Amino acid sequence: MLYALCFLLFMIGLYCAVVKKNMVKIVIGIVIMEYAVNLFLIMLGYRTGGQAPIVGQKDIAATGTELTNAFINSSVDPLPQALVLTAIVISLGSLALMISICIRTYEKYGTFDITEIRRLKG
């Protein structure tokens, strides 16, 4: 069910990016799509009842192999979290670039409407 909600959030962002004519709304749609993908990646690494993968928690009664298997079965996957942190930094850079392009376009044409900008061709 949660994956379907991520898909719904992605589709809302896609609708905003494809259908809307205002450049700022298009940028907001792209950002919503990015966050939907980030949420999906975080949910892929989630494990019910899992804990942070901190090395150093030892059980005295467990042997080496049993301890390793218990650690693997009880910890969440840190790779999606690291990927999402990297994606957030990249998306902030792309958001700054998109907003700066919107500002420059507004300074030149005086509107955010892409149909009006196409008609002006100047």
PDB file of N, CA and C in Angstrom:
ATOM      1  N   MET A   1       0.815  -1.187   0.000  1.00  0.00           N
ATOM      2  CA  MET A   1       0.000   0.000   0.000  1.00  0.00           C
ATOM      3  C   MET A   1       0.863   1.258   0.000  1.00  0.00           C
ATOM      4  N   LEU A   2       1.931   1.240   0.780  1.00  0.00           N
ATOM      5  CA  LEU A   2       2.798   2.418   0.839  1.00  0.00           C
ATOM      6  C   LEU A   2       3.520   2.655  -0.482  1.00  0.00           C
ATOM      7  N   TYR A   3       3.857   1.577  -1.172  1.00  0.00           N
ATOM      8  CA  TYR A   3       4.496   1.733  -2.472  1.00  0.00           C
ATOM      9  C   TYR A   3       3.524   2.362  -3.477  1.00  0.00           C
ATOM     10  N   ALA A   4       2.255   2.014  -3.364  1.00  0.00           N
ATOM     11  CA  ALA A   4       1.243   2.614  -4.237  1.00  0.00           C
ATOM     12  C   ALA A   4       1.101   4.104  -3.950  1.00  0.00           C
ATOM     13  N   LEU A   5       1.236   4.494  -2.696  1.00  0.00           N
ATOM     14  CA  LEU A   5       1.179   5.914  -2.359  1.00  0.00           C
ATOM     15  C   LEU A   5       2.391   6.662  -2.916  1.00  0.00           C
ATOM     16  N   CYS A   6       3.547   6.015  -2.921  1.00  0.00           N
ATOM     17  CA  CYS A   6       4.725   6.620  -3.560  1.00  0.00           C
ATOM     18  C   CYS A   6       4.482   6.801  -5.051  1.00  0.00           C
ATOM     19  N   PHE A   7       3.884   5.788  -5.670  1.00  0.00           N
ATOM     20  CA  PHE A   7       3.561   5.882  -7.089  1.00  0.00           C
ATOM     21  C   PHE A   7       2.552   6.997  -7.343  1.00  0.00           C
ATOM     22  N   LEU A   8       1.546   7.132  -6.470  1.00  0.00           N
ATOM     23  CA  LEU A   8       0.558   8.196  -6.603  1.00  0.00           C
ATOM     24  C   LEU A   8       1.218   9.568  -6.473  1.00  0.00           C
ATOM     25  N   LEU A   9       2.119   9.709  -5.529  1.00  0.00           N
ATOM     26  CA  LEU A   9       2.845  10.970  -5.363  1.00  0.00           C
ATOM     27  C   LEU A   9       3.691  11.276  -6.599  1.00  0.00           C
ATOM     28  N   PHE A  10       4.319  10.253  -7.154  1.00  0.00           N
ATOM     29  CA  PHE A  10       5.092  10.438  -8.387  1.00  0.00           C
ATOM     30  C   PHE A  10       4.197  10.859  -9.539  1.00  0.00           C
ATOM     31  N   MET A  11       3.022  10.260  -9.643  1.00  0.00           N
ATOM     32  CA  MET A  11       2.098  10.603 -10.731  1.00  0.00           C
ATOM     33  C   MET A  11       1.555  12.026 -10.583  1.00  0.00           C
ATOM     34  N   ILE A  12       1.352  12.483  -9.352  1.00  0.00           N
ATOM     35  CA  ILE A  12       0.938  13.874  -9.128  1.00  0.00           C
ATOM     36  C   ILE A  12       2.017  14.825  -9.619  1.00  0.00           C
ATOM     37  N   GLY A  13       3.266  14.511  -9.299  1.00  0.00           N
ATOM     38  CA  GLY A  13       4.377  15.339  -9.776  1.00  0.00           C
ATOM     39  C   GLY A  13       4.510  15.300 -11.286  1.00  0.00           C
ATOM     40  N   LEU A  14       4.302  14.126 -11.876  1.00  0.00           N
ATOM     41  CA  LEU A  14       4.361  14.011 -13.335  1.00  0.00           C
ATOM     42  C   LEU A  14       3.245  14.810 -13.995  1.00  0.00           C
ATOM     43  N   TYR A  15       2.065  14.784 -13.403  1.00  0.00           N
ATOM     44  CA  TYR A  15       0.944  15.581 -13.922  1.00  0.00           C
ATOM     45  C   TYR A  15       1.299  17.062 -13.900  1.00  0.00           C
ATOM     46  N   CYS A  16       1.865  17.517 -12.791  1.00  0.00           N
ATOM     47  CA  CYS A  16       2.242  18.941 -12.694  1.00  0.00           C
ATOM     48  C   CYS A  16       3.311  19.301 -13.723  1.00  0.00           C
ATOM     49  N   ALA A  17       4.260  18.409 -13.936  1.00  0.00           N
ATOM     50  CA  ALA A  17       5.360  18.709 -14.853  1.00  0.00           C
ATOM     51  C   ALA A  17       4.924  18.681 -16.312  1.00  0.00           C
ATOM     52  N   VAL A  18       3.939  17.868 -16.658  1.00  0.00           N
ATOM     53  CA  VAL A  18       3.546  17.712 -18.056  1.00  0.00           C
ATOM     54  C   VAL A  18       2.390  18.637 -18.449  1.00  0.00           C
ATOM     55  N   VAL A  19       1.410  18.791 -17.587  1.00  0.00           N
ATOM     56  CA  VAL A  19       0.179  19.486 -17.959  1.00  0.00           C
ATOM     57  C   VAL A  19       0.233  20.985 -17.682  1.00  0.00           C
ATOM     58  N   LYS A  20       0.858  21.397 -16.604  1.00  0.00           N
ATOM     59  CA  LYS A  20       0.821  22.804 -16.201  1.00  0.00           C
ATOM     60  C   LYS A  20       1.623  23.672 -17.169  1.00  0.00           C
ATOM     61  N   LYS A  21       1.185  24.923 -17.297  1.00  0.00           N
ATOM     62  CA  LYS A  21       1.831  25.864 -18.219  1.00  0.00           C
ATOM     63  C   LYS A  21       2.732  26.868 -17.508  1.00  0.00           C
ATOM     64  N   ASN A  22       2.630  26.951 -16.184  1.00  0.00           N
ATOM     65  CA  ASN A  22       3.449  27.865 -15.409  1.00  0.00           C
ATOM     66  C   ASN A  22       4.785  27.186 -15.087  1.00  0.00           C
ATOM     67  N   MET A  23       5.893  27.896 -15.332  1.00  0.00           N
ATOM     68  CA  MET A  23       7.214  27.294 -15.129  1.00  0.00           C
ATOM     69  C   MET A  23       7.477  26.950 -13.668  1.00  0.00           C
ATOM     70  N   VAL A  24       6.981  27.747 -12.747  1.00  0.00           N
ATOM     71  CA  VAL A  24       7.193  27.472 -11.328  1.00  0.00           C
ATOM     72  C   VAL A  24       6.434  26.207 -10.920  1.00  0.00           C
ATOM     73  N   LYS A  25       5.233  26.005 -11.443  1.00  0.00           N
ATOM     74  CA  LYS A  25       4.475  24.790 -11.157  1.00  0.00           C
ATOM     75  C   LYS A  25       5.149  23.565 -11.751  1.00  0.00           C
ATOM     76  N   ILE A  26       5.791  23.730 -12.884  1.00  0.00           N
ATOM     77  CA  ILE A  26       6.537  22.625 -13.495  1.00  0.00           C
ATOM     78  C   ILE A  26       7.715  22.245 -12.603  1.00  0.00           C
ATOM     79  N   VAL A  27       8.412  23.240 -12.075  1.00  0.00           N
ATOM     80  CA  VAL A  27       9.538  22.977 -11.174  1.00  0.00           C
ATOM     81  C   VAL A  27       9.044  22.276  -9.910  1.00  0.00           C
ATOM     82  N   ILE A  28       7.913  22.709  -9.362  1.00  0.00           N
ATOM     83  CA  ILE A  28       7.358  22.064  -8.170  1.00  0.00           C
ATOM     84  C   ILE A  28       6.983  20.613  -8.481  1.00  0.00           C
ATOM     85  N   GLY A  29       6.443  20.348  -9.656  1.00  0.00           N
ATOM     86  CA  GLY A  29       6.128  18.977 -10.049  1.00  0.00           C
ATOM     87  C   GLY A  29       7.364  18.100 -10.133  1.00  0.00           C
ATOM     88  N   ILE A  30       8.445  18.645 -10.660  1.00  0.00           N
ATOM     89  CA  ILE A  30       9.699  17.882 -10.746  1.00  0.00           C
ATOM     90  C   ILE A  30      10.231  17.580  -9.352  1.00  0.00           C
ATOM     91  N   VAL A  31      10.145  18.546  -8.450  1.00  0.00           N
ATOM     92  CA  VAL A  31      10.608  18.334  -7.075  1.00  0.00           C
ATOM     93  C   VAL A  31       9.758  17.278  -6.379  1.00  0.00           C
ATOM     94  N   ILE A  32       8.446  17.287  -6.615  1.00  0.00           N
ATOM     95  CA  ILE A  32       7.570  16.266  -6.026  1.00  0.00           C
ATOM     96  C   ILE A  32       7.951  14.880  -6.549  1.00  0.00           C
ATOM     97  N   MET A  33       8.275  14.786  -7.836  1.00  0.00           N
ATOM     98  CA  MET A  33       8.705  13.488  -8.383  1.00  0.00           C
ATOM     99  C   MET A  33      10.004  13.025  -7.738  1.00  0.00           C
ATOM    100  N   GLU A  34      10.955  13.942  -7.533  1.00  0.00           N
ATOM    101  CA  GLU A  34      12.226  13.580  -6.900  1.00  0.00           C
ATOM    102  C   GLU A  34      12.002  13.064  -5.481  1.00  0.00           C
ATOM    103  N   TYR A  35      11.135  13.734  -4.730  1.00  0.00           N
ATOM    104  CA  TYR A  35      10.888  13.295  -3.360  1.00  0.00           C
ATOM    105  C   TYR A  35      10.107  11.992  -3.308  1.00  0.00           C
ATOM    106  N   ALA A  36       9.269  11.732  -4.290  1.00  0.00           N
ATOM    107  CA  ALA A  36       8.566  10.449  -4.345  1.00  0.00           C
ATOM    108  C   ALA A  36       9.560   9.304  -4.565  1.00  0.00           C
ATOM    109  N   VAL A  37      10.525   9.521  -5.429  1.00  0.00           N
ATOM    110  CA  VAL A  37      11.551   8.494  -5.662  1.00  0.00           C
ATOM    111  C   VAL A  37      12.406   8.308  -4.411  1.00  0.00           C
ATOM    112  N   ASN A  38      12.756   9.399  -3.734  1.00  0.00           N
ATOM    113  CA  ASN A  38      13.536   9.285  -2.494  1.00  0.00           C
ATOM    114  C   ASN A  38      12.767   8.506  -1.427  1.00  0.00           C
ATOM    115  N   LEU A  39      11.482   8.790  -1.295  1.00  0.00           N
ATOM    116  CA  LEU A  39      10.658   8.063  -0.331  1.00  0.00           C
ATOM    117  C   LEU A  39      10.587   6.583  -0.687  1.00  0.00           C
ATOM    118  N   PHE A  40      10.469   6.276  -1.959  1.00  0.00           N
ATOM    119  CA  PHE A  40      10.426   4.882  -2.399  1.00  0.00           C
ATOM    120  C   PHE A  40      11.734   4.165  -2.062  1.00  0.00           C
ATOM    121  N   LEU A  41      12.858   4.827  -2.288  1.00  0.00           N
ATOM    122  CA  LEU A  41      14.146   4.196  -1.979  1.00  0.00           C
ATOM    123  C   LEU A  41      14.324   3.965  -0.484  1.00  0.00           C
ATOM    124  N   ILE A  42      13.888   4.914   0.328  1.00  0.00           N
ATOM    125  CA  ILE A  42      13.976   4.728   1.780  1.00  0.00           C
ATOM    126  C   ILE A  42      13.097   3.569   2.225  1.00  0.00           C
ATOM    127  N   MET A  43      11.915   3.459   1.627  1.00  0.00           N
ATOM    128  CA  MET A  43      11.019   2.371   2.008  1.00  0.00           C
ATOM    129  C   MET A  43      11.544   1.010   1.563  1.00  0.00           C
ATOM    130  N   LEU A  44      12.333   0.979   0.505  1.00  0.00           N
ATOM    131  CA  LEU A  44      12.931  -0.300   0.092  1.00  0.00           C
ATOM    132  C   LEU A  44      13.909  -0.818   1.136  1.00  0.00           C
ATOM    133  N   GLY A  45      14.621   0.081   1.799  1.00  0.00           N
ATOM    134  CA  GLY A  45      15.609  -0.345   2.790  1.00  0.00           C
ATOM    135  C   GLY A  45      15.047  -0.546   4.178  1.00  0.00           C
ATOM    136  N   TYR A  46      13.758  -0.248   4.380  1.00  0.00           N
ATOM    137  CA  TYR A  46      13.150  -0.371   5.706  1.00  0.00           C
ATOM    138  C   TYR A  46      12.856  -1.825   6.040  1.00  0.00           C
ATOM    139  N   ARG A  47      13.058  -2.175   7.281  1.00  0.00           N
ATOM    140  CA  ARG A  47      12.746  -3.519   7.755  1.00  0.00           C
ATOM    141  C   ARG A  47      11.974  -3.380   9.061  1.00  0.00           C
ATOM    142  N   THR A  48      10.834  -4.048   9.165  1.00  0.00           N
ATOM    143  CA  THR A  48      10.024  -3.974  10.368  1.00  0.00           C
ATOM    144  C   THR A  48      10.793  -4.567  11.546  1.00  0.00           C
ATOM    145  N   GLY A  49      10.895  -3.796  12.591  1.00  0.00           N
ATOM    146  CA  GLY A  49      11.632  -4.255  13.767  1.00  0.00           C
ATOM    147  C   GLY A  49      13.132  -4.149  13.605  1.00  0.00           C
ATOM    148  N   GLY A  50      13.585  -3.516  12.539  1.00  0.00           N
ATOM    149  CA  GLY A  50      15.020  -3.390  12.311  1.00  0.00           C
ATOM    150  C   GLY A  50      15.645  -2.319  13.171  1.00  0.00           C
ATOM    151  N   GLN A  51      16.946  -2.373  13.252  1.00  0.00           N
ATOM    152  CA  GLN A  51      17.692  -1.385  14.016  1.00  0.00           C
ATOM    153  C   GLN A  51      18.811  -0.827  13.163  1.00  0.00           C
ATOM    154  N   ALA A  52      19.431   0.218  13.655  1.00  0.00           N
ATOM    155  CA  ALA A  52      20.531   0.832  12.921  1.00  0.00           C
ATOM    156  C   ALA A  52      21.690  -0.142  12.835  1.00  0.00           C
ATOM    157  N   PRO A  53      22.351  -0.219  11.672  1.00  0.00           N
ATOM    158  CA  PRO A  53      23.456  -1.176  11.520  1.00  0.00           C
ATOM    159  C   PRO A  53      24.735  -0.666  12.190  1.00  0.00           C
ATOM    160  N   ILE A  54      24.774  -0.765  13.512  1.00  0.00           N
ATOM    161  CA  ILE A  54      25.931  -0.299  14.276  1.00  0.00           C
ATOM    162  C   ILE A  54      26.776  -1.512  14.640  1.00  0.00           C
ATOM    163  N   VAL A  55      28.010  -1.515  14.204  1.00  0.00           N
ATOM    164  CA  VAL A  55      28.910  -2.617  14.502  1.00  0.00           C
ATOM    165  C   VAL A  55      29.446  -2.413  15.907  1.00  0.00           C
ATOM    166  N   GLY A  56      29.512  -3.487  16.679  1.00  0.00           N
ATOM    167  CA  GLY A  56      30.029  -3.400  18.025  1.00  0.00           C
ATOM    168  C   GLY A  56      29.054  -3.942  19.049  1.00  0.00           C
ATOM    169  N   GLN A  57      27.821  -4.212  18.637  1.00  0.00           N
ATOM    170  CA  GLN A  57      26.860  -4.817  19.544  1.00  0.00           C
ATOM    171  C   GLN A  57      27.130  -6.316  19.551  1.00  0.00           C
ATOM    172  N   LYS A  58      27.541  -6.843  20.684  1.00  0.00           N
ATOM    173  CA  LYS A  58      27.938  -8.248  20.736  1.00  0.00           C
ATOM    174  C   LYS A  58      27.071  -9.008  21.736  1.00  0.00           C
ATOM    175  N   ASP A  59      26.797 -10.240  21.378  1.00  0.00           N
ATOM    176  CA  ASP A  59      26.087 -11.147  22.264  1.00  0.00           C
ATOM    177  C   ASP A  59      27.103 -12.175  22.729  1.00  0.00           C
ATOM    178  N   ILE A  60      27.251 -12.332  24.026  1.00  0.00           N
ATOM    179  CA  ILE A  60      28.288 -13.201  24.564  1.00  0.00           C
ATOM    180  C   ILE A  60      28.026 -14.665  24.224  1.00  0.00           C
ATOM    181  N   ALA A  61      26.757 -15.081  24.222  1.00  0.00           N
ATOM    182  CA  ALA A  61      26.441 -16.486  23.985  1.00  0.00           C
ATOM    183  C   ALA A  61      26.559 -16.877  22.521  1.00  0.00           C
ATOM    184  N   ALA A  62      26.572 -15.923  21.617  1.00  0.00           N
ATOM    185  CA  ALA A  62      26.569 -16.235  20.190  1.00  0.00           C
ATOM    186  C   ALA A  62      28.001 -16.429  19.687  1.00  0.00           C
ATOM    187  N   THR A  63      28.137 -17.320  18.728  1.00  0.00           N
ATOM    188  CA  THR A  63      29.432 -17.519  18.091  1.00  0.00           C
ATOM    189  C   THR A  63      29.552 -16.559  16.919  1.00  0.00           C
ATOM    190  N   GLY A  64      30.639 -16.621  16.185  1.00  0.00           N
ATOM    191  CA  GLY A  64      30.889 -15.694  15.088  1.00  0.00           C
ATOM    192  C   GLY A  64      29.848 -15.746  13.987  1.00  0.00           C
ATOM    193  N   THR A  65      29.526 -16.938  13.502  1.00  0.00           N
ATOM    194  CA  THR A  65      28.560 -17.065  12.407  1.00  0.00           C
ATOM    195  C   THR A  65      27.156 -16.707  12.871  1.00  0.00           C
ATOM    196  N   GLU A  66      26.780 -17.155  14.057  1.00  0.00           N
ATOM    197  CA  GLU A  66      25.449 -16.829  14.574  1.00  0.00           C
ATOM    198  C   GLU A  66      25.304 -15.330  14.822  1.00  0.00           C
ATOM    199  N   LEU A  67      26.363 -14.718  15.299  1.00  0.00           N
ATOM    200  CA  LEU A  67      26.335 -13.273  15.548  1.00  0.00           C
ATOM    201  C   LEU A  67      26.190 -12.502  14.240  1.00  0.00           C
ATOM    202  N   THR A  68      26.907 -12.933  13.215  1.00  0.00           N
ATOM    203  CA  THR A  68      26.812 -12.277  11.911  1.00  0.00           C
ATOM    204  C   THR A  68      25.411 -12.425  11.332  1.00  0.00           C
ATOM    205  N   ASN A  69      24.842 -13.626  11.388  1.00  0.00           N
ATOM    206  CA  ASN A  69      23.495 -13.837  10.859  1.00  0.00           C
ATOM    207  C   ASN A  69      22.455 -13.041  11.644  1.00  0.00           C
ATOM    208  N   ALA A  70      22.600 -12.967  12.943  1.00  0.00           N
ATOM    209  CA  ALA A  70      21.663 -12.202  13.762  1.00  0.00           C
ATOM    210  C   ALA A  70      21.775 -10.710  13.445  1.00  0.00           C
ATOM    211  N   PHE A  71      22.998 -10.254  13.229  1.00  0.00           N
ATOM    212  CA  PHE A  71      23.199  -8.835  12.903  1.00  0.00           C
ATOM    213  C   PHE A  71      22.586  -8.500  11.542  1.00  0.00           C
ATOM    214  N   ILE A  72      22.785  -9.362  10.559  1.00  0.00           N
ATOM    215  CA  ILE A  72      22.248  -9.126   9.216  1.00  0.00           C
ATOM    216  C   ILE A  72      20.728  -9.171   9.232  1.00  0.00           C
ATOM    217  N   ASN A  73      20.146 -10.086   9.991  1.00  0.00           N
ATOM    218  CA  ASN A  73      18.688 -10.220  10.015  1.00  0.00           C
ATOM    219  C   ASN A  73      17.996  -9.121  10.808  1.00  0.00           C
ATOM    220  N   SER A  74      18.715  -8.441  11.694  1.00  0.00           N
ATOM    221  CA  SER A  74      18.054  -7.452  12.550  1.00  0.00           C
ATOM    222  C   SER A  74      18.373  -6.011  12.169  1.00  0.00           C
ATOM    223  N   SER A  75      19.196  -5.757  11.185  1.00  0.00           N
ATOM    224  CA  SER A  75      19.550  -4.378  10.841  1.00  0.00           C
ATOM    225  C   SER A  75      18.902  -3.968   9.517  1.00  0.00           C
ATOM    226  N   VAL A  76      18.676  -2.671   9.399  1.00  0.00           N
ATOM    227  CA  VAL A  76      18.125  -2.142   8.150  1.00  0.00           C
ATOM    228  C   VAL A  76      19.262  -1.958   7.151  1.00  0.00           C
ATOM    229  N   ASP A  77      18.894  -1.828   5.881  1.00  0.00           N
ATOM    230  CA  ASP A  77      19.895  -1.674   4.825  1.00  0.00           C
ATOM    231  C   ASP A  77      20.327  -0.207   4.741  1.00  0.00           C
ATOM    232  N   PRO A  78      21.598   0.112   4.958  1.00  0.00           N
ATOM    233  CA  PRO A  78      22.032   1.512   4.934  1.00  0.00           C
ATOM    234  C   PRO A  78      22.283   2.054   3.529  1.00  0.00           C
ATOM    235  N   LEU A  79      22.348   1.201   2.520  1.00  0.00           N
ATOM    236  CA  LEU A  79      22.654   1.662   1.165  1.00  0.00           C
ATOM    237  C   LEU A  79      21.584   2.600   0.598  1.00  0.00           C
ATOM    238  N   PRO A  80      20.284   2.291   0.703  1.00  0.00           N
ATOM    239  CA  PRO A  80      19.293   3.253   0.196  1.00  0.00           C
ATOM    240  C   PRO A  80      19.348   4.596   0.919  1.00  0.00           C
ATOM    241  N   GLN A  81      19.675   4.586   2.198  1.00  0.00           N
ATOM    242  CA  GLN A  81      19.780   5.832   2.938  1.00  0.00           C
ATOM    243  C   GLN A  81      20.931   6.680   2.407  1.00  0.00           C
ATOM    244  N   ALA A  82      22.041   6.042   2.110  1.00  0.00           N
ATOM    245  CA  ALA A  82      23.177   6.776   1.551  1.00  0.00           C
ATOM    246  C   ALA A  82      22.861   7.297   0.151  1.00  0.00           C
ATOM    247  N   LEU A  83      22.171   6.495  -0.643  1.00  0.00           N
ATOM    248  CA  LEU A  83      21.784   6.943  -1.982  1.00  0.00           C
ATOM    249  C   LEU A  83      20.826   8.124  -1.920  1.00  0.00           C
ATOM    250  N   VAL A  84      19.890   8.099  -0.975  1.00  0.00           N
ATOM    251  CA  VAL A  84      18.930   9.195  -0.847  1.00  0.00           C
ATOM    252  C   VAL A  84      19.616  10.467  -0.368  1.00  0.00           C
ATOM    253  N   LEU A  85      20.566  10.350   0.537  1.00  0.00           N
ATOM    254  CA  LEU A  85      21.315  11.537   0.966  1.00  0.00           C
ATOM    255  C   LEU A  85      22.039  12.177  -0.215  1.00  0.00           C
ATOM    256  N   THR A  86      22.635  11.363  -1.051  1.00  0.00           N
ATOM    257  CA  THR A  86      23.303  11.881  -2.242  1.00  0.00           C
ATOM    258  C   THR A  86      22.291  12.492  -3.206  1.00  0.00           C
ATOM    259  N   ALA A  87      21.138  11.839  -3.368  1.00  0.00           N
ATOM    260  CA  ALA A  87      20.106  12.351  -4.273  1.00  0.00           C
ATOM    261  C   ALA A  87      19.531  13.669  -3.778  1.00  0.00           C
ATOM    262  N   ILE A  88      19.434  13.850  -2.471  1.00  0.00           N
ATOM    263  CA  ILE A  88      18.926  15.113  -1.930  1.00  0.00           C
ATOM    264  C   ILE A  88      19.870  16.255  -2.258  1.00  0.00           C
ATOM    265  N   VAL A  89      21.158  16.019  -2.117  1.00  0.00           N
ATOM    266  CA  VAL A  89      22.139  17.064  -2.440  1.00  0.00           C
ATOM    267  C   VAL A  89      22.084  17.410  -3.927  1.00  0.00           C
ATOM    268  N   ILE A  90      22.001  16.406  -4.768  1.00  0.00           N
ATOM    269  CA  ILE A  90      21.930  16.649  -6.210  1.00  0.00           C
ATOM    270  C   ILE A  90      20.626  17.358  -6.576  1.00  0.00           C
ATOM    271  N   SER A  91      19.519  16.972  -5.937  1.00  0.00           N
ATOM    272  CA  SER A  91      18.241  17.612  -6.258  1.00  0.00           C
ATOM    273  C   SER A  91      18.201  19.061  -5.792  1.00  0.00           C
ATOM    274  N   LEU A  92      18.885  19.383  -4.705  1.00  0.00           N
ATOM    275  CA  LEU A  92      18.957  20.786  -4.286  1.00  0.00           C
ATOM    276  C   LEU A  92      19.730  21.622  -5.302  1.00  0.00           C
ATOM    277  N   GLY A  93      20.792  21.060  -5.852  1.00  0.00           N
ATOM    278  CA  GLY A  93      21.536  21.768  -6.897  1.00  0.00           C
ATOM    279  C   GLY A  93      20.709  21.957  -8.155  1.00  0.00           C
ATOM    280  N   SER A  94      19.997  20.921  -8.556  1.00  0.00           N
ATOM    281  CA  SER A  94      19.163  21.051  -9.762  1.00  0.00           C
ATOM    282  C   SER A  94      17.984  21.986  -9.515  1.00  0.00           C
ATOM    283  N   LEU A  95      17.446  22.003  -8.289  1.00  0.00           N
ATOM    284  CA  LEU A  95      16.370  22.932  -7.964  1.00  0.00           C
ATOM    285  C   LEU A  95      16.857  24.380  -8.047  1.00  0.00           C
ATOM    286  N   ALA A  96      18.049  24.640  -7.540  1.00  0.00           N
ATOM    287  CA  ALA A  96      18.607  25.993  -7.624  1.00  0.00           C
ATOM    288  C   ALA A  96      18.804  26.404  -9.081  1.00  0.00           C
ATOM    289  N   LEU A  97      19.260  25.481  -9.908  1.00  0.00           N
ATOM    290  CA  LEU A  97      19.437  25.779 -11.331  1.00  0.00           C
ATOM    291  C   LEU A  97      18.095  26.057 -12.012  1.00  0.00           C
ATOM    292  N   MET A  98      17.083  25.246 -11.725  1.00  0.00           N
ATOM    293  CA  MET A  98      15.772  25.452 -12.349  1.00  0.00           C
ATOM    294  C   MET A  98      15.143  26.774 -11.912  1.00  0.00           C
ATOM    295  N   ILE A  99      15.271  27.121 -10.648  1.00  0.00           N
ATOM    296  CA  ILE A  99      14.713  28.383 -10.163  1.00  0.00           C
ATOM    297  C   ILE A  99      15.459  29.570 -10.766  1.00  0.00           C
ATOM    298  N   SER A 100      16.779  29.446 -10.919  1.00  0.00           N
ATOM    299  CA  SER A 100      17.525  30.546 -11.543  1.00  0.00           C
ATOM    300  C   SER A 100      17.144  30.713 -13.013  1.00  0.00           C
ATOM    301  N   ILE A 101      16.885  29.612 -13.716  1.00  0.00           N
ATOM    302  CA  ILE A 101      16.418  29.708 -15.098  1.00  0.00           C
ATOM    303  C   ILE A 101      15.040  30.364 -15.148  1.00  0.00           C
ATOM    304  N   CYS A 102      14.167  30.028 -14.192  1.00  0.00           N
ATOM    305  CA  CYS A 102      12.841  30.664 -14.135  1.00  0.00           C
ATOM    306  C   CYS A 102      12.966  32.167 -13.893  1.00  0.00           C
ATOM    307  N   ILE A 103      13.858  32.554 -13.006  1.00  0.00           N
ATOM    308  CA  ILE A 103      14.037  33.979 -12.711  1.00  0.00           C
ATOM    309  C   ILE A 103      14.567  34.718 -13.930  1.00  0.00           C
ATOM    310  N   ARG A 104      15.555  34.164 -14.596  1.00  0.00           N
ATOM    311  CA  ARG A 104      16.106  34.803 -15.807  1.00  0.00           C
ATOM    312  C   ARG A 104      15.069  34.894 -16.920  1.00  0.00           C
ATOM    313  N   THR A 105      14.270  33.862 -17.076  1.00  0.00           N
ATOM    314  CA  THR A 105      13.224  33.887 -18.095  1.00  0.00           C
ATOM    315  C   THR A 105      12.178  34.938 -17.764  1.00  0.00           C
ATOM    316  N   TYR A 106      11.832  35.072 -16.487  1.00  0.00           N
ATOM    317  CA  TYR A 106      10.862  36.090 -16.090  1.00  0.00           C
ATOM    318  C   TYR A 106      11.420  37.496 -16.311  1.00  0.00           C
ATOM    319  N   GLU A 107      12.716  37.668 -16.061  1.00  0.00           N
ATOM    320  CA  GLU A 107      13.330  38.977 -16.303  1.00  0.00           C
ATOM    321  C   GLU A 107      13.300  39.340 -17.784  1.00  0.00           C
ATOM    322  N   LYS A 108      13.476  38.360 -18.650  1.00  0.00           N
ATOM    323  CA  LYS A 108      13.513  38.631 -20.084  1.00  0.00           C
ATOM    324  C   LYS A 108      12.121  38.795 -20.688  1.00  0.00           C
ATOM    325  N   TYR A 109      11.172  37.910 -20.325  1.00  0.00           N
ATOM    326  CA  TYR A 109       9.855  37.896 -20.970  1.00  0.00           C
ATOM    327  C   TYR A 109       8.742  38.504 -20.118  1.00  0.00           C
ATOM    328  N   GLY A 110       8.944  38.590 -18.817  1.00  0.00           N
ATOM    329  CA  GLY A 110       7.927  39.161 -17.943  1.00  0.00           C
ATOM    330  C   GLY A 110       6.776  38.233 -17.623  1.00  0.00           C
ATOM    331  N   THR A 111       6.926  36.947 -17.870  1.00  0.00           N
ATOM    332  CA  THR A 111       5.872  35.980 -17.582  1.00  0.00           C
ATOM    333  C   THR A 111       6.496  34.612 -17.298  1.00  0.00           C
ATOM    334  N   PHE A 112       5.730  33.795 -16.564  1.00  0.00           N
ATOM    335  CA  PHE A 112       6.141  32.413 -16.317  1.00  0.00           C
ATOM    336  C   PHE A 112       5.389  31.439 -17.229  1.00  0.00           C
ATOM    337  N   ASP A 113       4.458  31.914 -18.014  1.00  0.00           N
ATOM    338  CA  ASP A 113       3.630  31.069 -18.870  1.00  0.00           C
ATOM    339  C   ASP A 113       4.438  30.614 -20.085  1.00  0.00           C
ATOM    340  N   ILE A 114       4.598  29.304 -20.261  1.00  0.00           N
ATOM    341  CA  ILE A 114       5.455  28.808 -21.344  1.00  0.00           C
ATOM    342  C   ILE A 114       4.804  28.988 -22.711  1.00  0.00           C
ATOM    343  N   THR A 115       3.474  29.018 -22.785  1.00  0.00           N
ATOM    344  CA  THR A 115       2.838  29.236 -24.079  1.00  0.00           C
ATOM    345  C   THR A 115       3.046  30.682 -24.524  1.00  0.00           C
ATOM    346  N   GLU A 116       3.032  31.610 -23.589  1.00  0.00           N
ATOM    347  CA  GLU A 116       3.296  33.006 -23.907  1.00  0.00           C
ATOM    348  C   GLU A 116       4.754  33.208 -24.330  1.00  0.00           C
ATOM    349  N   ILE A 117       5.659  32.534 -23.700  1.00  0.00           N
ATOM    350  CA  ILE A 117       7.089  32.645 -24.034  1.00  0.00           C
ATOM    351  C   ILE A 117       7.346  32.085 -25.437  1.00  0.00           C
ATOM    352  N   ARG A 118       6.712  30.966 -25.757  1.00  0.00           N
ATOM    353  CA  ARG A 118       6.864  30.387 -27.101  1.00  0.00           C
ATOM    354  C   ARG A 118       6.312  31.327 -28.171  1.00  0.00           C
ATOM    355  N   ARG A 119       5.236  32.018 -27.847  1.00  0.00           N
ATOM    356  CA  ARG A 119       4.617  32.917 -28.819  1.00  0.00           C
ATOM    357  C   ARG A 119       5.465  34.159 -29.053  1.00  0.00           C
ATOM    358  N   LEU A 120       6.190  34.628 -28.006  1.00  0.00           N
ATOM    359  CA  LEU A 120       6.984  35.846 -28.146  1.00  0.00           C
ATOM    360  C   LEU A 120       8.214  35.617 -29.029  1.00  0.00           C
ATOM    361  N   LYS A 121       8.891  34.501 -28.867  1.00  0.00           N
ATOM    362  CA  LYS A 121      10.090  34.148 -29.639  1.00  0.00           C
ATOM    363  C   LYS A 121      11.081  35.293 -29.736  1.00  0.00           C
ATOM    364  N   GLY A 122      11.481  35.822 -28.621  1.00  0.00           N
ATOM    365  CA  GLY A 122      12.398  36.942 -28.658  1.00  0.00           C
ATOM    366  C   GLY A 122      13.484  36.742 -27.747  1.00  0.00           C
TER     367      GLY A 122
END
